[in-house]
Protein backbone atom coordinates (compact mmCIF):
# COMPACT_ATOMS: atom_id res chain seq x y z
CA MET A 1 0.00 0.00 0.00
CA ARG A 2 1.13 3.50 -0.68
CA PRO A 3 1.73 5.87 2.25
CA ASP A 4 -0.14 8.66 0.45
CA THR A 5 -3.34 6.58 0.23
CA PRO A 6 -6.04 8.27 2.27
CA PRO A 7 -7.26 6.19 5.22
CA ALA A 8 -10.79 6.07 3.76
CA ALA A 9 -9.46 4.17 0.73
CA THR A 10 -7.75 1.53 2.88
CA PRO A 11 -9.68 -1.76 2.92
CA THR A 12 -11.14 -2.74 6.27
CA THR A 13 -9.35 -6.07 6.06
CA ALA A 14 -6.04 -4.19 6.20
CA TYR A 15 -7.08 -2.61 9.49
CA ALA A 16 -8.28 -5.95 10.86
CA PHE A 17 -4.97 -7.57 9.87
CA PHE A 18 -3.00 -4.78 11.56
CA PHE A 19 -5.00 -4.95 14.80
CA MET A 20 -4.75 -8.73 15.02
CA ARG A 21 -1.08 -8.84 14.06
CA ASP A 22 0.37 -5.83 15.85
CA MET A 23 -1.79 -5.20 18.89
CA GLN A 24 -2.10 -7.27 22.04
CA ILE A 25 -5.41 -7.77 23.80
CA GLY A 26 -5.64 -5.96 27.12
CA LEU A 27 -2.77 -3.57 26.46
CA ASP A 28 -2.90 0.01 25.26
CA ARG A 29 -1.29 0.73 21.95
CA GLU A 30 -1.04 3.81 19.80
CA PHE A 31 -2.33 3.60 16.25
CA SER A 32 -0.95 5.55 13.34
CA PHE A 33 -1.55 5.28 9.63
CA GLU A 34 2.22 5.16 9.18
CA ALA A 35 2.48 2.11 11.47
CA LEU A 36 -0.28 0.43 9.47
CA MET A 37 1.58 1.06 6.21
CA ASP A 38 4.87 -0.15 7.70
CA ARG A 39 3.30 -3.42 8.89
CA LEU A 40 1.54 -4.13 5.59
CA ASN A 41 4.59 -3.31 3.48
CA ALA A 42 6.95 -5.33 5.71
CA ASP A 43 4.74 -8.42 5.56
CA LEU A 44 4.29 -8.05 1.81
CA ALA A 45 8.05 -7.70 1.27
CA ASN A 46 8.72 -10.67 3.56
CA GLY A 47 6.21 -12.83 1.70
CA LEU A 48 7.56 -11.92 -1.73
CA GLY A 49 11.15 -12.37 -0.61
CA ASN A 50 10.32 -15.77 0.84
CA LEU A 51 8.59 -16.81 -2.41
CA ALA A 52 11.57 -15.68 -4.49
CA SER A 53 14.06 -17.44 -2.22
CA ARG A 54 12.13 -20.71 -2.25
CA SER A 55 11.61 -20.55 -6.02
CA ILE A 56 15.31 -19.99 -6.67
CA SER A 57 16.27 -22.80 -4.27
CA MET A 58 13.89 -25.21 -6.01
CA LEU A 59 15.21 -24.21 -9.44
CA GLN A 60 18.75 -24.85 -8.30
CA ARG A 61 17.91 -28.15 -6.64
CA TYR A 62 15.53 -29.70 -9.16
CA ARG A 63 16.31 -27.95 -12.47
CA ASP A 64 20.08 -27.33 -12.24
CA GLY A 65 19.41 -23.59 -11.99
CA VAL A 66 17.65 -23.42 -15.35
CA VAL A 67 14.18 -21.92 -15.66
CA PRO A 68 12.08 -24.35 -17.71
CA ALA A 69 10.49 -23.14 -20.93
CA GLY A 70 6.87 -22.11 -20.66
CA ALA A 71 4.05 -24.18 -22.07
CA PRO A 72 2.87 -23.30 -25.57
CA VAL A 73 0.00 -20.84 -25.80
CA ASP A 74 -3.32 -22.55 -26.48
CA ALA A 75 -6.98 -21.56 -26.99
CA ASP A 76 -7.62 -21.32 -23.23
CA ASP A 77 -4.77 -18.83 -22.90
CA HIS A 78 -6.20 -16.67 -25.68
CA GLN A 79 -9.65 -16.80 -24.07
CA ALA A 80 -8.22 -15.74 -20.70
CA GLU A 81 -6.34 -12.89 -22.38
CA GLU A 82 -9.51 -11.65 -24.06
CA MET A 83 -11.44 -11.84 -20.78
CA LEU A 84 -8.73 -9.81 -19.09
CA LYS A 85 -8.87 -7.14 -21.79
CA VAL A 86 -12.65 -6.90 -21.46
CA ALA A 87 -12.38 -6.61 -17.67
CA GLN A 88 -9.73 -3.87 -17.94
CA ASN A 89 -11.89 -1.83 -20.33
CA SER A 90 -15.02 -1.96 -18.17
């Protein structure tokens, strides 16, 4: 999430995640929009970094460090691409 996003545009699930993750029941805690952004961005970066690290480790272990070629494009791929274009234009 971007730090310049107004609080009204922040999804309620982001607040719920922050309160459950960062705040302890029965204790006082200060809330700031900056702390919310820091928590969300840190967890996002940690998750993406973990995914990248695991993917690279698996490539090295099982594929000798070589990224396998992608599957050929078929009719389902073209249909999904068209659906995406329609969704983006609406």
